[in-house]
Amino acid sequence: MFRLMSGIFKIAVVSLLTGAALSALDLSAADILLDLGLTPERVLSLLETGTRWAIPNLVLGSLVIVPIWLVVYLLRPPRG
């Protein structure tokens, strides 16, 4: 758990520093998206489409993976 929180904290700090540097260069997220040929509305639409695709696949995959993991976990030899 500590490694996960440490990783999230590091990503947040690097993102903050990168955002400050881009802001100092007078760049905004809208400018970068415009250079890529995207609009904020299009990005939200792509995220929505991706979410609609991912959720059912996550549920379907978990119906297979979770029981397998549970059986493997229960059949492992005891530790120490």
PDB file of N, CA and C in Angstrom:
ATOM      1  N   MET A   1       0.824  -1.194   0.000  1.00  0.00           N
ATOM      2  CA  MET A   1       0.000   0.000   0.000  1.00  0.00           C
ATOM      3  C   MET A   1       0.865   1.254   0.000  1.00  0.00           C
ATOM      4  N   PHE A   2       1.992   1.187   0.760  1.00  0.00           N
ATOM      5  CA  PHE A   2       2.879   2.338   0.811  1.00  0.00           C
ATOM      6  C   PHE A   2       3.472   2.640  -0.560  1.00  0.00           C
ATOM      7  N   ARG A   3       3.825   1.581  -1.310  1.00  0.00           N
ATOM      8  CA  ARG A   3       4.415   1.788  -2.642  1.00  0.00           C
ATOM      9  C   ARG A   3       3.417   2.443  -3.577  1.00  0.00           C
ATOM     10  N   LEU A   4       2.153   2.058  -3.480  1.00  0.00           N
ATOM     11  CA  LEU A   4       1.123   2.658  -4.324  1.00  0.00           C
ATOM     12  C   LEU A   4       0.957   4.136  -3.998  1.00  0.00           C
ATOM     13  N   MET A   5       0.853   4.448  -2.718  1.00  0.00           N
ATOM     14  CA  MET A   5       0.686   5.846  -2.311  1.00  0.00           C
ATOM     15  C   MET A   5       1.920   6.671  -2.677  1.00  0.00           C
ATOM     16  N   SER A   6       3.093   6.067  -2.535  1.00  0.00           N
ATOM     17  CA  SER A   6       4.326   6.753  -2.896  1.00  0.00           C
ATOM     18  C   SER A   6       4.356   7.041  -4.395  1.00  0.00           C
ATOM     19  N   GLY A   7       3.934   6.082  -5.195  1.00  0.00           N
ATOM     20  CA  GLY A   7       3.893   6.277  -6.647  1.00  0.00           C
ATOM     21  C   GLY A   7       2.908   7.366  -7.045  1.00  0.00           C
ATOM     22  N   ILE A   8       1.735   7.367  -6.420  1.00  0.00           N
ATOM     23  CA  ILE A   8       0.732   8.397  -6.711  1.00  0.00           C
ATOM     24  C   ILE A   8       1.256   9.772  -6.319  1.00  0.00           C
ATOM     25  N   PHE A   9       1.923   9.853  -5.166  1.00  0.00           N
ATOM     26  CA  PHE A   9       2.485  11.131  -4.720  1.00  0.00           C
ATOM     27  C   PHE A   9       3.552  11.626  -5.696  1.00  0.00           C
ATOM     28  N   LYS A  10       4.414  10.729  -6.156  1.00  0.00           N
ATOM     29  CA  LYS A  10       5.459  11.128  -7.107  1.00  0.00           C
ATOM     30  C   LYS A  10       4.852  11.626  -8.418  1.00  0.00           C
ATOM     31  N   ILE A  11       3.841  10.941  -8.907  1.00  0.00           N
ATOM     32  CA  ILE A  11       3.179  11.377 -10.139  1.00  0.00           C
ATOM     33  C   ILE A  11       2.543  12.746  -9.942  1.00  0.00           C
ATOM     34  N   ALA A  12       1.923  12.975  -8.782  1.00  0.00           N
ATOM     35  CA  ALA A  12       1.296  14.268  -8.502  1.00  0.00           C
ATOM     36  C   ALA A  12       2.335  15.379  -8.461  1.00  0.00           C
ATOM     37  N   VAL A  13       3.490  15.136  -7.833  1.00  0.00           N
ATOM     38  CA  VAL A  13       4.530  16.162  -7.735  1.00  0.00           C
ATOM     39  C   VAL A  13       5.106  16.480  -9.114  1.00  0.00           C
ATOM     40  N   VAL A  14       5.399  15.450  -9.899  1.00  0.00           N
ATOM     41  CA  VAL A  14       5.951  15.676 -11.242  1.00  0.00           C
ATOM     42  C   VAL A  14       4.923  16.391 -12.120  1.00  0.00           C
ATOM     43  N   SER A  15       3.647  16.036 -11.999  1.00  0.00           N
ATOM     44  CA  SER A  15       2.606  16.703 -12.771  1.00  0.00           C
ATOM     45  C   SER A  15       2.501  18.175 -12.377  1.00  0.00           C
ATOM     46  N   LEU A  16       2.587  18.447 -11.089  1.00  0.00           N
ATOM     47  CA  LEU A  16       2.538  19.830 -10.612  1.00  0.00           C
ATOM     48  C   LEU A  16       3.715  20.638 -11.152  1.00  0.00           C
ATOM     49  N   LEU A  17       4.904  20.072 -11.102  1.00  0.00           N
ATOM     50  CA  LEU A  17       6.081  20.770 -11.616  1.00  0.00           C
ATOM     51  C   LEU A  17       5.996  20.985 -13.125  1.00  0.00           C
ATOM     52  N   THR A  18       5.536  19.990 -13.849  1.00  0.00           N
ATOM     53  CA  THR A  18       5.386  20.120 -15.296  1.00  0.00           C
ATOM     54  C   THR A  18       4.348  21.174 -15.634  1.00  0.00           C
ATOM     55  N   GLY A  19       3.225  21.172 -14.911  1.00  0.00           N
ATOM     56  CA  GLY A  19       2.200  22.182 -15.131  1.00  0.00           C
ATOM     57  C   GLY A  19       2.703  23.580 -14.848  1.00  0.00           C
ATOM     58  N   ALA A  20       3.505  23.738 -13.793  1.00  0.00           N
ATOM     59  CA  ALA A  20       4.073  25.052 -13.478  1.00  0.00           C
ATOM     60  C   ALA A  20       5.033  25.504 -14.583  1.00  0.00           C
ATOM     61  N   ALA A  21       5.841  24.574 -15.100  1.00  0.00           N
ATOM     62  CA  ALA A  21       6.773  24.918 -16.180  1.00  0.00           C
ATOM     63  C   ALA A  21       6.021  25.311 -17.448  1.00  0.00           C
ATOM     64  N   LEU A  22       4.987  24.566 -17.799  1.00  0.00           N
ATOM     65  CA  LEU A  22       4.210  24.906 -18.991  1.00  0.00           C
ATOM     66  C   LEU A  22       3.480  26.231 -18.810  1.00  0.00           C
ATOM     67  N   SER A  23       3.017  26.484 -17.609  1.00  0.00           N
ATOM     68  CA  SER A  23       2.356  27.752 -17.324  1.00  0.00           C
ATOM     69  C   SER A  23       3.348  28.911 -17.444  1.00  0.00           C
ATOM     70  N   ALA A  24       4.579  28.706 -17.001  1.00  0.00           N
ATOM     71  CA  ALA A  24       5.604  29.739 -17.128  1.00  0.00           C
ATOM     72  C   ALA A  24       5.929  30.009 -18.595  1.00  0.00           C
ATOM     73  N   LEU A  25       5.764  29.002 -19.443  1.00  0.00           N
ATOM     74  CA  LEU A  25       5.982  29.175 -20.879  1.00  0.00           C
ATOM     75  C   LEU A  25       4.736  29.694 -21.581  1.00  0.00           C
ATOM     76  N   ASP A  26       3.712  30.041 -20.807  1.00  0.00           N
ATOM     77  CA  ASP A  26       2.449  30.589 -21.298  1.00  0.00           C
ATOM     78  C   ASP A  26       1.713  29.606 -22.211  1.00  0.00           C
ATOM     79  N   LEU A  27       1.712  28.340 -21.806  1.00  0.00           N
ATOM     80  CA  LEU A  27       0.958  27.309 -22.517  1.00  0.00           C
ATOM     81  C   LEU A  27      -0.187  26.848 -21.640  1.00  0.00           C
ATOM     82  N   SER A  28      -1.309  26.567 -22.262  1.00  0.00           N
ATOM     83  CA  SER A  28      -2.458  26.046 -21.515  1.00  0.00           C
ATOM     84  C   SER A  28      -2.875  24.709 -22.124  1.00  0.00           C
ATOM     85  N   ALA A  29      -3.724  24.005 -21.401  1.00  0.00           N
ATOM     86  CA  ALA A  29      -4.215  22.723 -21.899  1.00  0.00           C
ATOM     87  C   ALA A  29      -5.001  22.917 -23.190  1.00  0.00           C
ATOM     88  N   ALA A  30      -5.782  23.989 -23.264  1.00  0.00           N
ATOM     89  CA  ALA A  30      -6.562  24.262 -24.479  1.00  0.00           C
ATOM     90  C   ALA A  30      -5.639  24.518 -25.674  1.00  0.00           C
ATOM     91  N   ASP A  31      -4.529  25.225 -25.454  1.00  0.00           N
ATOM     92  CA  ASP A  31      -3.578  25.478 -26.548  1.00  0.00           C
ATOM     93  C   ASP A  31      -2.955  24.172 -27.052  1.00  0.00           C
ATOM     94  N   ILE A  32      -2.571  23.320 -26.126  1.00  0.00           N
ATOM     95  CA  ILE A  32      -1.948  22.052 -26.511  1.00  0.00           C
ATOM     96  C   ILE A  32      -2.955  21.167 -27.247  1.00  0.00           C
ATOM     97  N   LEU A  33      -4.192  21.119 -26.750  1.00  0.00           N
ATOM     98  CA  LEU A  33      -5.223  20.332 -27.431  1.00  0.00           C
ATOM     99  C   LEU A  33      -5.495  20.872 -28.827  1.00  0.00           C
ATOM    100  N   LEU A  34      -5.517  22.192 -28.957  1.00  0.00           N
ATOM    101  CA  LEU A  34      -5.763  22.811 -30.265  1.00  0.00           C
ATOM    102  C   LEU A  34      -4.642  22.463 -31.243  1.00  0.00           C
ATOM    103  N   ASP A  35      -3.386  22.445 -30.753  1.00  0.00           N
ATOM    104  CA  ASP A  35      -2.266  22.055 -31.614  1.00  0.00           C
ATOM    105  C   ASP A  35      -2.379  20.593 -32.052  1.00  0.00           C
ATOM    106  N   LEU A  36      -2.987  19.771 -31.227  1.00  0.00           N
ATOM    107  CA  LEU A  36      -3.177  18.367 -31.575  1.00  0.00           C
ATOM    108  C   LEU A  36      -4.419  18.138 -32.429  1.00  0.00           C
ATOM    109  N   GLY A  37      -5.193  19.189 -32.642  1.00  0.00           N
ATOM    110  CA  GLY A  37      -6.395  19.078 -33.454  1.00  0.00           C
ATOM    111  C   GLY A  37      -7.595  18.570 -32.679  1.00  0.00           C
ATOM    112  N   LEU A  38      -7.576  18.735 -31.370  1.00  0.00           N
ATOM    113  CA  LEU A  38      -8.672  18.278 -30.524  1.00  0.00           C
ATOM    114  C   LEU A  38      -9.318  19.464 -29.815  1.00  0.00           C
ATOM    115  N   THR A  39     -10.555  19.281 -29.444  1.00  0.00           N
ATOM    116  CA  THR A  39     -11.239  20.265 -28.611  1.00  0.00           C
ATOM    117  C   THR A  39     -11.527  19.603 -27.265  1.00  0.00           C
ATOM    118  N   PRO A  40     -11.732  20.389 -26.226  1.00  0.00           N
ATOM    119  CA  PRO A  40     -12.078  19.774 -24.934  1.00  0.00           C
ATOM    120  C   PRO A  40     -13.342  18.907 -25.025  1.00  0.00           C
ATOM    121  N   GLU A  41     -14.296  19.314 -25.850  1.00  0.00           N
ATOM    122  CA  GLU A  41     -15.516  18.520 -26.013  1.00  0.00           C
ATOM    123  C   GLU A  41     -15.211  17.174 -26.654  1.00  0.00           C
ATOM    124  N   ARG A  42     -14.307  17.160 -27.618  1.00  0.00           N
ATOM    125  CA  ARG A  42     -13.928  15.918 -28.294  1.00  0.00           C
ATOM    126  C   ARG A  42     -13.207  14.974 -27.324  1.00  0.00           C
ATOM    127  N   VAL A  43     -12.338  15.554 -26.489  1.00  0.00           N
ATOM    128  CA  VAL A  43     -11.623  14.743 -25.506  1.00  0.00           C
ATOM    129  C   VAL A  43     -12.621  14.105 -24.544  1.00  0.00           C
ATOM    130  N   LEU A  44     -13.596  14.874 -24.068  1.00  0.00           N
ATOM    131  CA  LEU A  44     -14.619  14.321 -23.184  1.00  0.00           C
ATOM    132  C   LEU A  44     -15.434  13.238 -23.881  1.00  0.00           C
ATOM    133  N   SER A  45     -15.720  13.446 -25.157  1.00  0.00           N
ATOM    134  CA  SER A  45     -16.452  12.442 -25.922  1.00  0.00           C
ATOM    135  C   SER A  45     -15.639  11.154 -26.043  1.00  0.00           C
ATOM    136  N   LEU A  46     -14.349  11.281 -26.296  1.00  0.00           N
ATOM    137  CA  LEU A  46     -13.485  10.105 -26.385  1.00  0.00           C
ATOM    138  C   LEU A  46     -13.394   9.380 -25.043  1.00  0.00           C
ATOM    139  N   LEU A  47     -13.307  10.135 -23.956  1.00  0.00           N
ATOM    140  CA  LEU A  47     -13.280   9.520 -22.628  1.00  0.00           C
ATOM    141  C   LEU A  47     -14.583   8.788 -22.329  1.00  0.00           C
ATOM    142  N   GLU A  48     -15.701   9.380 -22.719  1.00  0.00           N
ATOM    143  CA  GLU A  48     -16.999   8.743 -22.504  1.00  0.00           C
ATOM    144  C   GLU A  48     -17.110   7.454 -23.311  1.00  0.00           C
ATOM    145  N   THR A  49     -16.678   7.507 -24.565  1.00  0.00           N
ATOM    146  CA  THR A  49     -16.712   6.319 -25.411  1.00  0.00           C
ATOM    147  C   THR A  49     -15.815   5.223 -24.846  1.00  0.00           C
ATOM    148  N   GLY A  50     -14.631   5.597 -24.395  1.00  0.00           N
ATOM    149  CA  GLY A  50     -13.714   4.627 -23.796  1.00  0.00           C
ATOM    150  C   GLY A  50     -14.279   4.010 -22.535  1.00  0.00           C
ATOM    151  N   THR A  51     -14.942   4.820 -21.730  1.00  0.00           N
ATOM    152  CA  THR A  51     -15.544   4.313 -20.502  1.00  0.00           C
ATOM    153  C   THR A  51     -16.677   3.348 -20.814  1.00  0.00           C
ATOM    154  N   ARG A  52     -17.515   3.712 -21.800  1.00  0.00           N
ATOM    155  CA  ARG A  52     -18.609   2.817 -22.184  1.00  0.00           C
ATOM    156  C   ARG A  52     -18.093   1.488 -22.717  1.00  0.00           C
ATOM    157  N   TRP A  53     -16.910   1.489 -23.328  1.00  0.00           N
ATOM    158  CA  TRP A  53     -16.322   0.250 -23.819  1.00  0.00           C
ATOM    159  C   TRP A  53     -15.657  -0.522 -22.671  1.00  0.00           C
ATOM    160  N   ALA A  54     -14.975   0.171 -21.766  1.00  0.00           N
ATOM    161  CA  ALA A  54     -14.154  -0.486 -20.754  1.00  0.00           C
ATOM    162  C   ALA A  54     -14.964  -1.146 -19.644  1.00  0.00           C
ATOM    163  N   ILE A  55     -16.012  -0.498 -19.167  1.00  0.00           N
ATOM    164  CA  ILE A  55     -16.760  -1.016 -18.011  1.00  0.00           C
ATOM    165  C   ILE A  55     -17.310  -2.424 -18.276  1.00  0.00           C
ATOM    166  N   PRO A  56     -18.023  -2.656 -19.379  1.00  0.00           N
ATOM    167  CA  PRO A  56     -18.524  -4.026 -19.598  1.00  0.00           C
ATOM    168  C   PRO A  56     -17.399  -5.053 -19.747  1.00  0.00           C
ATOM    169  N   ASN A  57     -16.291  -4.659 -20.373  1.00  0.00           N
ATOM    170  CA  ASN A  57     -15.177  -5.589 -20.526  1.00  0.00           C
ATOM    171  C   ASN A  57     -14.496  -5.878 -19.192  1.00  0.00           C
ATOM    172  N   LEU A  58     -14.402  -4.882 -18.313  1.00  0.00           N
ATOM    173  CA  LEU A  58     -13.857  -5.114 -16.981  1.00  0.00           C
ATOM    174  C   LEU A  58     -14.726  -6.083 -16.196  1.00  0.00           C
ATOM    175  N   VAL A  59     -16.019  -5.905 -16.263  1.00  0.00           N
ATOM    176  CA  VAL A  59     -16.932  -6.795 -15.547  1.00  0.00           C
ATOM    177  C   VAL A  59     -16.839  -8.207 -16.104  1.00  0.00           C
ATOM    178  N   LEU A  60     -16.840  -8.332 -17.419  1.00  0.00           N
ATOM    179  CA  LEU A  60     -16.752  -9.646 -18.044  1.00  0.00           C
ATOM    180  C   LEU A  60     -15.444 -10.345 -17.689  1.00  0.00           C
ATOM    181  N   GLY A  61     -14.345  -9.615 -17.757  1.00  0.00           N
ATOM    182  CA  GLY A  61     -13.048 -10.200 -17.407  1.00  0.00           C
ATOM    183  C   GLY A  61     -12.969 -10.592 -15.948  1.00  0.00           C
ATOM    184  N   SER A  62     -13.567  -9.784 -15.088  1.00  0.00           N
ATOM    185  CA  SER A  62     -13.514 -10.097 -13.661  1.00  0.00           C
ATOM    186  C   SER A  62     -14.338 -11.338 -13.324  1.00  0.00           C
ATOM    187  N   LEU A  63     -15.351 -11.630 -14.129  1.00  0.00           N
ATOM    188  CA  LEU A  63     -16.125 -12.853 -13.907  1.00  0.00           C
ATOM    189  C   LEU A  63     -15.278 -14.104 -14.113  1.00  0.00           C
ATOM    190  N   VAL A  64     -14.208 -13.985 -14.879  1.00  0.00           N
ATOM    191  CA  VAL A  64     -13.305 -15.119 -15.100  1.00  0.00           C
ATOM    192  C   VAL A  64     -12.116 -15.045 -14.141  1.00  0.00           C
ATOM    193  N   ILE A  65     -11.509 -13.876 -14.019  1.00  0.00           N
ATOM    194  CA  ILE A  65     -10.259 -13.720 -13.280  1.00  0.00           C
ATOM    195  C   ILE A  65     -10.443 -13.871 -11.775  1.00  0.00           C
ATOM    196  N   VAL A  66     -11.483 -13.274 -11.205  1.00  0.00           N
ATOM    197  CA  VAL A  66     -11.659 -13.302  -9.747  1.00  0.00           C
ATOM    198  C   VAL A  66     -11.843 -14.722  -9.214  1.00  0.00           C
ATOM    199  N   PRO A  67     -12.686 -15.563  -9.811  1.00  0.00           N
ATOM    200  CA  PRO A  67     -12.768 -16.940  -9.289  1.00  0.00           C
ATOM    201  C   PRO A  67     -11.451 -17.709  -9.413  1.00  0.00           C
ATOM    202  N   ILE A  68     -10.719 -17.514 -10.506  1.00  0.00           N
ATOM    203  CA  ILE A  68      -9.426 -18.186 -10.663  1.00  0.00           C
ATOM    204  C   ILE A  68      -8.469 -17.718  -9.584  1.00  0.00           C
ATOM    205  N   TRP A  69      -8.411 -16.410  -9.351  1.00  0.00           N
ATOM    206  CA  TRP A  69      -7.535 -15.867  -8.313  1.00  0.00           C
ATOM    207  C   TRP A  69      -7.922 -16.412  -6.943  1.00  0.00           C
ATOM    208  N   LEU A  70      -9.215 -16.497  -6.672  1.00  0.00           N
ATOM    209  CA  LEU A  70      -9.681 -16.991  -5.380  1.00  0.00           C
ATOM    210  C   LEU A  70      -9.261 -18.443  -5.159  1.00  0.00           C
ATOM    211  N   VAL A  71      -9.405 -19.274  -6.175  1.00  0.00           N
ATOM    212  CA  VAL A  71      -9.003 -20.681  -6.052  1.00  0.00           C
ATOM    213  C   VAL A  71      -7.495 -20.786  -5.838  1.00  0.00           C
ATOM    214  N   VAL A  72      -6.713 -20.036  -6.606  1.00  0.00           N
ATOM    215  CA  VAL A  72      -5.254 -20.065  -6.446  1.00  0.00           C
ATOM    216  C   VAL A  72      -4.877 -19.573  -5.057  1.00  0.00           C
ATOM    217  N   TYR A  73      -5.520 -18.513  -4.584  1.00  0.00           N
ATOM    218  CA  TYR A  73      -5.233 -17.965  -3.258  1.00  0.00           C
ATOM    219  C   TYR A  73      -5.551 -18.982  -2.161  1.00  0.00           C
ATOM    220  N   LEU A  74      -6.673 -19.670  -2.295  1.00  0.00           N
ATOM    221  CA  LEU A  74      -7.066 -20.638  -1.261  1.00  0.00           C
ATOM    222  C   LEU A  74      -6.200 -21.894  -1.282  1.00  0.00           C
ATOM    223  N   LEU A  75      -5.640 -22.252  -2.429  1.00  0.00           N
ATOM    224  CA  LEU A  75      -4.831 -23.463  -2.523  1.00  0.00           C
ATOM    225  C   LEU A  75      -3.338 -23.237  -2.276  1.00  0.00           C
ATOM    226  N   ARG A  76      -2.937 -21.996  -2.058  1.00  0.00           N
ATOM    227  CA  ARG A  76      -1.525 -21.718  -1.767  1.00  0.00           C
ATOM    228  C   ARG A  76      -1.155 -22.298  -0.411  1.00  0.00           C
ATOM    229  N   PRO A  77       0.097 -22.734  -0.280  1.00  0.00           N
ATOM    230  CA  PRO A  77       0.520 -23.217   1.043  1.00  0.00           C
ATOM    231  C   PRO A  77       0.604 -22.048   2.020  1.00  0.00           C
ATOM    232  N   PRO A  78       0.400 -22.318   3.314  1.00  0.00           N
ATOM    233  CA  PRO A  78       0.461 -21.234   4.297  1.00  0.00           C
ATOM    234  C   PRO A  78       1.851 -20.629   4.383  1.00  0.00           C
ATOM    235  N   ARG A  79       1.900 -19.359   4.719  1.00  0.00           N
ATOM    236  CA  ARG A  79       3.197 -18.683   4.855  1.00  0.00           C
ATOM    237  C   ARG A  79       3.765 -18.915   6.237  1.00  0.00           C
ATOM    238  N   GLY A  80       5.104 -18.907   6.275  1.00  0.00           N
ATOM    239  CA  GLY A  80       5.892 -18.905   7.455  1.00  0.00           C
ATOM    240  C   GLY A  80       5.523 -19.753   8.572  1.00  0.00           C
TER     241      GLY A  80
END
